[in-house]
Protein backbone atom coordinates (compact mmCIF):
# COMPACT_ATOMS: atom_id res chain seq x y z
CA MET A 1 9.81 6.25 43.75
CA ASP A 2 7.00 3.84 44.01
CA LEU A 3 8.09 0.42 42.61
CA PHE A 4 4.56 -0.49 41.78
CA ARG A 5 4.03 2.49 39.70
CA VAL A 6 7.10 1.76 37.85
CA ILE A 7 6.25 -1.82 37.08
CA ASP A 8 2.75 -0.56 35.84
CA GLU A 9 4.42 2.00 33.64
CA LEU A 10 6.85 -0.95 32.05
CA ARG A 11 3.76 -3.10 31.56
CA GLU A 12 1.99 -0.34 29.59
CA GLU A 13 5.10 0.45 27.53
CA ARG A 14 5.38 -3.53 26.84
CA LYS A 15 1.80 -3.47 25.58
CA ARG A 16 2.37 -0.58 23.29
CA LEU A 17 5.52 -2.16 21.98
CA ASP A 18 3.75 -5.55 21.57
CA TYR A 19 1.23 -3.82 19.52
CA THR A 20 3.67 -1.95 17.42
CA ILE A 21 5.63 -5.28 16.79
CA LYS A 22 2.52 -7.12 15.73
CA ALA A 23 1.47 -4.35 13.39
CA LEU A 24 4.96 -4.43 11.74
CA GLU A 25 4.83 -8.10 11.50
CA ASN A 26 1.49 -8.02 9.62
CA ILE A 27 2.94 -5.50 7.20
CA VAL A 28 5.90 -7.71 6.57
CA GLU A 29 3.66 -10.74 6.12
CA GLY A 30 1.36 -8.85 3.80
CA GLU A 31 4.28 -7.73 1.55
CA GLU A 32 5.49 -11.34 1.41
CA ILE A 33 2.31 -12.65 0.47
CA ALA A 34 1.75 -9.89 -2.11
CA SER A 35 5.31 -10.30 -3.59
CA SER A 36 4.67 -14.12 -3.74
CA VAL A 37 1.42 -13.73 -5.71
CA VAL A 38 2.30 -13.79 -9.55
CA ARG A 39 0.08 -11.16 -11.06
CA PRO A 40 -0.57 -11.48 -14.99
CA LYS A 41 1.13 -9.04 -16.94
CA ARG A 42 -0.92 -6.39 -18.62
CA ARG A 43 -0.86 -6.69 -22.38
CA GLY A 44 -0.85 -4.03 -24.74
CA ARG A 45 -2.85 -4.14 -27.98
CA LYS A 46 -3.56 -7.47 -29.44
CA SER A 47 -1.41 -7.82 -32.58
CA MET A 48 -3.32 -9.00 -35.55
CA SER A 49 -2.10 -11.65 -38.00
CA ARG A 50 -1.34 -10.99 -41.52
CA GLU A 51 -4.70 -12.44 -42.67
CA GLU A 52 -6.66 -10.38 -40.04
CA ARG A 53 -4.93 -7.13 -41.32
CA GLN A 54 -5.90 -8.15 -44.82
CA LYS A 55 -9.56 -8.66 -43.74
CA VAL A 56 -9.61 -5.13 -41.95
CA SER A 57 -8.14 -3.48 -45.08
CA ASP A 58 -10.64 -5.00 -47.60
CA ARG A 59 -13.41 -4.00 -45.41
CA MET A 60 -12.20 -0.31 -44.90
CA ARG A 61 -11.56 -0.21 -48.70
CA ARG A 62 -15.11 -1.25 -49.41
CA TYR A 63 -16.50 1.11 -46.62
CA TRP A 64 -14.63 4.00 -48.11
CA ALA A 65 -15.52 3.18 -51.64
CA ALA A 66 -19.15 3.01 -50.55
CA ARG A 67 -18.74 6.48 -48.81
CA ARG A 68 -17.14 8.09 -51.83
CA LYS A 69 -19.98 6.67 -54.10
CA LYS A 70 -22.66 8.26 -51.80
CA ILE A 71 -21.00 11.47 -51.70
CA VAL A 72 -20.84 11.54 -55.57
CA GLU A 73 -24.36 10.52 -55.90
CA GLU A 74 -25.56 13.18 -53.50
CA THR A 75 -23.64 16.02 -55.51
CA ALA A 76 -24.84 14.58 -58.82
CA SER A 77 -28.54 14.78 -57.61
């Protein structure tokens, strides 16, 4: 067996292994960076205070009253 050919094959294999090792290191580094970044938690719907709920309630009460009034006027005409 030719010793130079064996050495060349081993060097090629080392290049492939170095490339694979570097790729795996990049993946691990990326995971470490991603896990160290604090992501803001996604919040659900904003809760309303008691006053805000009351304002919405009053506004909707006026809306539906006006709508009922309009329907009654249309049927009376």
